[in-house]
N, C-alpha and C. Protein backbone atom coordinates (compact mmCIF):
# COMPACT_ATOMS: atom_id res chain seq x y z
N GLU A 1 -164.28 272.53 -27.47
CA GLU A 1 -163.13 272.10 -27.10
C GLU A 1 -162.88 271.02 -26.39
N LYS A 2 -163.96 270.89 -24.94
CA LYS A 2 -163.70 269.99 -24.04
C LYS A 2 -164.28 268.67 -24.78
N HIS A 3 -165.37 268.69 -25.72
CA HIS A 3 -165.62 267.71 -26.55
C HIS A 3 -164.99 266.63 -27.27
N ALA A 4 -163.83 267.96 -28.32
CA ALA A 4 -163.06 267.50 -29.05
C ALA A 4 -162.10 266.71 -28.29
N THR A 5 -161.66 267.00 -27.01
CA THR A 5 -160.81 266.48 -26.12
C THR A 5 -161.10 265.51 -25.33
N GLU A 6 -162.18 265.15 -25.25
CA GLU A 6 -163.10 263.85 -25.54
C GLU A 6 -162.69 262.70 -26.21
N ASN A 7 -162.91 263.04 -27.49
CA ASN A 7 -162.76 262.65 -28.56
C ASN A 7 -161.50 261.87 -28.59
N LYS A 8 -160.83 262.81 -28.73
CA LYS A 8 -159.38 262.52 -28.71
C LYS A 8 -159.42 261.42 -27.72
N VAL A 9 -158.66 262.02 -26.27
CA VAL A 9 -158.73 261.17 -25.34
C VAL A 9 -159.14 259.50 -25.69
N LYS A 10 -160.81 259.54 -26.40
CA LYS A 10 -161.83 258.04 -26.50
C LYS A 10 -160.85 257.61 -27.38
N ASN A 11 -160.35 258.57 -28.64
CA ASN A 11 -160.26 257.55 -29.51
C ASN A 11 -158.35 257.22 -29.16
N LEU A 12 -157.91 257.20 -28.42
CA LEU A 12 -156.39 257.52 -27.82
C LEU A 12 -156.40 256.01 -27.32
N THR A 13 -157.75 255.80 -26.28
CA THR A 13 -158.02 255.14 -25.68
C THR A 13 -158.42 253.72 -26.46
N GLU A 14 -159.10 253.99 -27.37
CA GLU A 14 -159.65 252.86 -28.18
C GLU A 14 -158.03 252.37 -28.48
N GLU A 15 -157.60 253.10 -29.76
CA GLU A 15 -156.13 252.74 -29.82
C GLU A 15 -155.48 251.95 -29.05
N MET A 16 -155.07 252.68 -27.71
CA MET A 16 -154.42 252.08 -26.99
C MET A 16 -154.73 250.49 -26.64
N ALA A 17 -156.00 250.78 -26.55
CA ALA A 17 -157.15 248.76 -26.46
C ALA A 17 -156.71 247.89 -27.66
N GLY A 18 -156.90 248.51 -28.50
CA GLY A 18 -156.28 247.53 -29.64
C GLY A 18 -155.09 247.10 -29.91
N LEU A 19 -154.00 248.13 -29.53
CA LEU A 19 -152.58 247.79 -29.52
C LEU A 19 -152.30 246.69 -28.29
N ASP A 20 -153.04 247.12 -27.43
CA ASP A 20 -153.12 246.53 -26.34
C ASP A 20 -153.51 244.80 -26.64
N GLU A 21 -154.16 244.45 -27.48
CA GLU A 21 -155.01 243.40 -28.25
C GLU A 21 -153.93 242.60 -28.89
N ILE A 22 -153.06 243.40 -29.55
CA ILE A 22 -152.07 243.46 -30.54
C ILE A 22 -150.76 242.94 -30.40
N ILE A 23 -150.25 243.50 -28.84
CA ILE A 23 -149.14 242.86 -28.24
C ILE A 23 -149.65 241.34 -27.90
N ALA A 24 -150.58 242.15 -26.95
CA ALA A 24 -150.99 240.30 -26.30
C ALA A 24 -151.39 239.15 -27.95
N LYS A 25 -151.76 239.64 -29.05
CA LYS A 25 -151.30 238.50 -29.68
C LYS A 25 -150.16 238.18 -30.02
N LEU A 26 -149.46 239.29 -30.57
CA LEU A 26 -147.95 238.75 -30.81
C LEU A 26 -147.23 238.76 -29.86
N THR A 27 -147.55 238.79 -28.54
CA THR A 27 -146.59 238.14 -26.85
C THR A 27 -146.91 236.29 -27.50
N LYS A 28 -148.46 236.28 -26.86
CA LYS A 28 -148.66 234.85 -27.97
C LYS A 28 -147.64 234.25 -28.93
N GLU A 29 -148.07 234.87 -29.84
CA GLU A 29 -147.18 234.00 -31.13
C GLU A 29 -145.93 233.94 -30.88
N LYS A 30 -145.26 235.09 -30.35
CA LYS A 30 -143.54 235.18 -29.71
C LYS A 30 -143.47 233.18 -29.01
N LYS A 31 -144.50 233.60 -27.91
CA LYS A 31 -144.69 232.37 -26.63
C LYS A 31 -144.50 231.05 -27.43
N ALA A 32 -145.15 230.83 -28.52
CA ALA A 32 -146.02 230.04 -29.46
C ALA A 32 -144.52 228.98 -30.08
N LEU A 33 -144.00 230.52 -31.01
CA LEU A 33 -142.91 230.74 -31.80
C LEU A 33 -141.42 229.90 -30.51
N GLN A 34 -141.97 230.33 -29.60
CA GLN A 34 -140.05 229.76 -28.80
C GLN A 34 -140.43 228.44 -28.58
N GLU A 35 -141.30 228.38 -28.02
CA GLU A 35 -141.97 226.92 -28.05
C GLU A 35 -141.79 226.23 -29.20
N ALA A 36 -141.17 226.40 -30.07
CA ALA A 36 -141.73 225.27 -31.51
C ALA A 36 -140.04 225.37 -31.72
N HIS A 37 -139.52 226.81 -31.57
CA HIS A 37 -138.03 226.81 -31.49
C HIS A 37 -137.17 225.78 -30.54
N GLN A 38 -137.71 225.59 -29.38
CA GLN A 38 -137.55 224.90 -27.98
C GLN A 38 -137.18 223.10 -28.53
N GLN A 39 -138.79 223.68 -28.73
CA GLN A 39 -139.04 222.14 -29.39
C GLN A 39 -138.31 221.78 -30.47
N ALA A 40 -138.09 222.04 -31.44
CA ALA A 40 -136.81 221.96 -32.44
C ALA A 40 -135.68 221.73 -32.10
N LEU A 41 -135.50 222.63 -30.95
CA LEU A 41 -133.84 222.43 -30.47
C LEU A 41 -133.97 220.71 -29.95
N ASP A 42 -134.33 220.06 -28.80
CA ASP A 42 -134.43 219.25 -28.07
C ASP A 42 -134.51 218.21 -29.29
N ASP A 43 -135.40 217.95 -30.45
CA ASP A 43 -135.71 216.88 -31.33
C ASP A 43 -134.08 217.02 -31.97
N LEU A 44 -133.97 217.86 -32.28
CA LEU A 44 -131.80 218.34 -33.37
C LEU A 44 -131.20 217.29 -32.11
N GLN A 45 -131.25 217.71 -30.98
CA GLN A 45 -130.18 217.36 -29.75
C GLN A 45 -130.79 216.02 -30.08
N ALA A 46 -131.75 215.33 -29.84
CA ALA A 46 -131.61 213.90 -29.20
C ALA A 46 -131.73 212.96 -30.86
N GLU A 47 -131.96 213.95 -32.20
CA GLU A 47 -131.31 213.61 -33.26
C GLU A 47 -130.01 213.23 -33.61
N GLU A 48 -129.07 214.30 -33.24
CA GLU A 48 -127.31 214.50 -32.81
C GLU A 48 -127.13 213.25 -31.78
N ASP A 49 -127.98 213.16 -30.74
CA ASP A 49 -127.48 211.56 -29.86
C ASP A 49 -127.47 210.61 -30.93
N LYS A 50 -128.99 210.02 -31.13
CA LYS A 50 -129.09 209.00 -32.25
C LYS A 50 -128.11 209.00 -33.27
N VAL A 51 -127.60 210.54 -33.90
CA VAL A 51 -126.33 209.93 -34.82
C VAL A 51 -125.30 209.34 -34.13
N ASN A 52 -124.80 210.19 -33.35
CA ASN A 52 -123.95 209.80 -32.07
C ASN A 52 -123.71 208.48 -31.76
N THR A 53 -125.19 207.79 -31.42
CA THR A 53 -124.58 206.26 -30.68
C THR A 53 -125.11 205.52 -32.24
N LEU A 54 -125.61 205.92 -33.03
CA LEU A 54 -125.15 205.18 -34.58
C LEU A 54 -123.84 205.05 -34.92
N THR A 55 -123.03 205.74 -34.51
CA THR A 55 -121.57 206.35 -35.66
C THR A 55 -121.07 205.61 -34.80
N LYS A 56 -121.00 205.46 -33.49
CA LYS A 56 -119.98 204.73 -32.27
C LYS A 56 -120.46 203.07 -32.41
N ALA A 57 -121.55 202.54 -32.87
CA ALA A 57 -122.04 201.47 -33.06
C ALA A 57 -121.63 201.10 -34.42
N LYS A 58 -121.84 201.95 -35.75
CA LYS A 58 -121.25 201.73 -37.09
C LYS A 58 -119.56 201.62 -36.98
N VAL A 59 -118.50 202.47 -36.22
CA VAL A 59 -117.08 201.91 -36.01
C VAL A 59 -117.01 201.38 -34.96
N LYS A 60 -117.91 200.33 -34.23
CA LYS A 60 -117.48 198.72 -33.79
C LYS A 60 -117.95 197.94 -34.94
N LEU A 61 -119.49 197.98 -35.32
CA LEU A 61 -119.31 197.40 -36.22
C LEU A 61 -118.09 197.06 -37.37
N GLU A 62 -118.42 198.28 -37.62
CA GLU A 62 -116.46 198.44 -38.86
C GLU A 62 -115.70 197.59 -38.46
N GLN A 63 -114.74 197.75 -37.20
CA GLN A 63 -114.11 197.18 -36.04
C GLN A 63 -113.93 195.09 -36.32
N GLN A 64 -115.54 195.22 -35.94
CA GLN A 64 -115.58 193.67 -35.70
C GLN A 64 -115.26 192.93 -37.05
N VAL A 65 -115.82 193.52 -38.22
CA VAL A 65 -115.88 193.15 -39.41
C VAL A 65 -114.20 192.88 -40.02
N ASP A 66 -113.70 194.38 -39.46
CA ASP A 66 -112.20 193.51 -40.29
C ASP A 66 -111.54 193.06 -39.38
N ASP A 67 -111.85 192.61 -37.67
CA ASP A 67 -111.23 191.66 -37.33
C ASP A 67 -111.74 190.59 -37.42
N LEU A 68 -112.85 190.09 -37.96
CA LEU A 68 -113.80 188.65 -38.62
C LEU A 68 -112.76 188.73 -40.10
N GLU A 69 -112.79 189.41 -41.08
CA GLU A 69 -111.68 189.56 -41.73
C GLU A 69 -109.96 188.71 -42.00
N GLY A 70 -109.47 189.50 -40.79
CA GLY A 70 -107.92 188.94 -40.80
C GLY A 70 -108.07 188.23 -40.14
N SER A 71 -109.07 187.31 -39.53
CA SER A 71 -109.26 186.06 -38.53
C SER A 71 -109.87 185.07 -39.71
N LEU A 72 -110.51 185.46 -40.63
CA LEU A 72 -110.72 184.77 -42.19
C LEU A 72 -109.73 184.59 -42.95
N GLU A 73 -109.05 185.42 -42.85
CA GLU A 73 -107.78 184.89 -43.96
C GLU A 73 -106.82 184.60 -43.17
N GLN A 74 -106.08 184.53 -42.18
CA GLN A 74 -105.52 183.62 -41.36
C GLN A 74 -106.01 182.73 -41.59
N GLU A 75 -107.31 181.94 -41.13
CA GLU A 75 -108.44 180.54 -41.39
C GLU A 75 -107.38 179.69 -42.55
N LYS A 76 -107.88 181.17 -43.98
CA LYS A 76 -107.58 180.28 -45.00
C LYS A 76 -106.20 180.37 -45.19
N LYS A 77 -105.59 180.88 -44.81
CA LYS A 77 -104.45 180.67 -45.27
C LYS A 77 -103.65 179.69 -43.88
N VAL A 78 -104.00 179.21 -43.37
CA VAL A 78 -104.00 177.88 -42.06
C VAL A 78 -104.65 176.79 -43.30
N ARG A 79 -105.31 177.26 -43.72
CA ARG A 79 -106.33 175.92 -44.25
C ARG A 79 -105.46 175.60 -45.56
N MET A 80 -104.71 176.44 -46.40
CA MET A 80 -103.97 176.15 -47.43
C MET A 80 -103.06 175.67 -47.00
N ASP A 81 -102.57 176.03 -45.93
CA ASP A 81 -100.80 174.96 -45.06
C ASP A 81 -101.34 173.98 -45.05
N LEU A 82 -102.44 173.57 -44.49
CA LEU A 82 -103.05 172.28 -43.85
C LEU A 82 -103.27 171.50 -45.07
N GLU A 83 -104.04 171.88 -46.21
CA GLU A 83 -103.86 171.43 -47.83
C GLU A 83 -102.80 170.83 -48.16
N ARG A 84 -101.70 171.78 -47.66
CA ARG A 84 -100.45 171.38 -48.69
C ARG A 84 -99.58 170.33 -47.64
N ALA A 85 -99.73 170.38 -46.65
CA ALA A 85 -99.02 169.41 -45.66
C ALA A 85 -99.78 167.88 -46.25
N LYS A 86 -100.69 167.69 -46.27
CA LYS A 86 -101.66 166.72 -46.49
C LYS A 86 -101.49 165.77 -47.52
N ARG A 87 -101.24 167.18 -48.76
CA ARG A 87 -100.60 166.83 -49.97
C ARG A 87 -99.61 165.98 -49.90
N LYS A 88 -98.63 166.87 -49.30
CA LYS A 88 -97.07 166.35 -48.61
C LYS A 88 -97.35 164.36 -48.26
N LEU A 89 -98.11 164.52 -46.86
CA LEU A 89 -97.99 163.35 -46.35
C LEU A 89 -99.00 162.50 -47.20
N GLU A 90 -99.54 162.75 -48.04
CA GLU A 90 -99.69 162.04 -49.39
C GLU A 90 -99.14 161.06 -49.94
N GLY A 91 -98.71 161.82 -50.73
CA GLY A 91 -97.41 161.98 -51.90
C GLY A 91 -96.43 161.10 -50.99
N ASP A 92 -95.92 161.39 -49.65
CA ASP A 92 -94.55 160.40 -48.97
C ASP A 92 -95.24 159.26 -48.74
N LEU A 93 -96.05 158.96 -48.33
CA LEU A 93 -97.39 158.05 -47.77
C LEU A 93 -97.06 156.70 -49.05
N LYS A 94 -97.47 157.67 -50.66
CA LYS A 94 -97.54 156.51 -51.92
C LYS A 94 -96.95 155.77 -51.73
N LEU A 95 -94.89 157.11 -51.48
CA LEU A 95 -94.19 156.38 -51.86
C LEU A 95 -93.91 155.44 -50.92
N THR A 96 -93.83 155.83 -49.57
CA THR A 96 -93.57 154.86 -48.55
C THR A 96 -94.08 153.13 -49.26
N GLN A 97 -95.85 153.49 -49.46
CA GLN A 97 -96.22 152.13 -49.77
C GLN A 97 -95.35 151.52 -50.67
N GLU A 98 -94.95 152.20 -51.50
CA GLU A 98 -94.51 151.40 -53.49
C GLU A 98 -93.30 150.52 -52.96
N SER A 99 -91.95 151.53 -52.20
CA SER A 99 -90.84 150.99 -51.45
C SER A 99 -91.42 149.99 -50.55
N ILE A 100 -92.61 149.54 -49.73
CA ILE A 100 -93.07 148.26 -48.88
C ILE A 100 -93.35 147.12 -49.94
N MET A 101 -94.24 147.80 -50.99
CA MET A 101 -94.05 146.51 -52.04
C MET A 101 -92.71 146.40 -52.75
N ASP A 102 -92.24 147.00 -53.39
CA ASP A 102 -90.79 146.93 -53.86
C ASP A 102 -89.93 146.00 -53.18
N LEU A 103 -90.17 146.21 -51.62
CA LEU A 103 -89.01 145.31 -50.35
C LEU A 103 -89.79 144.16 -50.63
N GLU A 104 -91.25 144.30 -50.29
CA GLU A 104 -91.52 142.65 -50.46
C GLU A 104 -91.98 142.10 -51.43
N ASN A 105 -91.30 142.71 -52.89
CA ASN A 105 -91.16 141.95 -53.70
C ASN A 105 -89.66 141.36 -53.77
N ASP A 106 -89.03 142.18 -53.56
CA ASP A 106 -87.65 141.64 -53.16
C ASP A 106 -87.59 140.47 -52.28
N LYS A 107 -88.19 140.38 -50.96
CA LYS A 107 -88.16 139.26 -50.07
C LYS A 107 -88.57 138.65 -50.58
N GLN A 108 -89.58 138.11 -51.37
CA GLN A 108 -90.18 137.17 -51.65
C GLN A 108 -89.61 136.41 -53.04
N GLN A 109 -89.12 137.44 -53.76
CA GLN A 109 -88.06 136.44 -54.66
C GLN A 109 -86.61 136.01 -54.28
N LEU A 110 -86.09 136.93 -52.93
CA LEU A 110 -85.19 136.15 -51.83
C LEU A 110 -85.36 134.97 -50.71
N ASP A 111 -86.68 134.82 -51.11
CA ASP A 111 -87.34 133.63 -50.48
C ASP A 111 -87.25 132.77 -51.53
N GLU A 112 -87.60 132.86 -52.35
CA GLU A 112 -87.97 131.85 -53.75
C GLU A 112 -86.46 131.09 -54.42
N ARG A 113 -85.58 132.29 -54.04
CA ARG A 113 -84.08 131.89 -54.13
C ARG A 113 -83.54 131.58 -53.11
N LEU A 114 -83.75 131.18 -52.08
CA LEU A 114 -83.51 130.61 -51.50
C LEU A 114 -83.62 129.07 -50.65
N LYS A 115 -85.58 129.22 -51.20
CA LYS A 115 -85.74 127.77 -51.56
C LYS A 115 -85.70 127.00 -52.67
N LYS A 116 -85.13 127.27 -53.94
CA LYS A 116 -84.84 126.70 -54.62
C LYS A 116 -82.95 126.33 -54.12
N LYS A 117 -81.61 127.44 -53.74
CA LYS A 117 -81.36 126.36 -53.36
C LYS A 117 -80.93 126.00 -52.34
N ARG A 118 -81.86 125.37 -51.55
CA ARG A 118 -81.98 124.25 -50.36
C ARG A 118 -82.14 123.45 -50.87
N LEU A 119 -83.18 123.17 -52.45
CA LEU A 119 -83.35 122.22 -52.95
C LEU A 119 -82.36 121.22 -53.65
């Protein structure tokens, strides 16, 4: 009976040693998984920070694009207005030059008539 009890104690001791090894191994694996999990969380946070930074930059760039498009439209309108004014002034200049030519012709005719009357 004593021998059987010793064998039982020996078997239980060996079993406990085996279980201790398994527990140690599982604890080590758990720690590795926790570290990997923490690293994944850190990586995720870093990526979220990047996304936030890029999103802010995108919003800022989109606002700049909107501002530039507005400026471009305004510049196009000003350019069209200037072209319209230029064409009007060119037309006015042409009419004025024609009027000057007509007046010069009239003056020349009057000068000739005056010369004829003096003779």
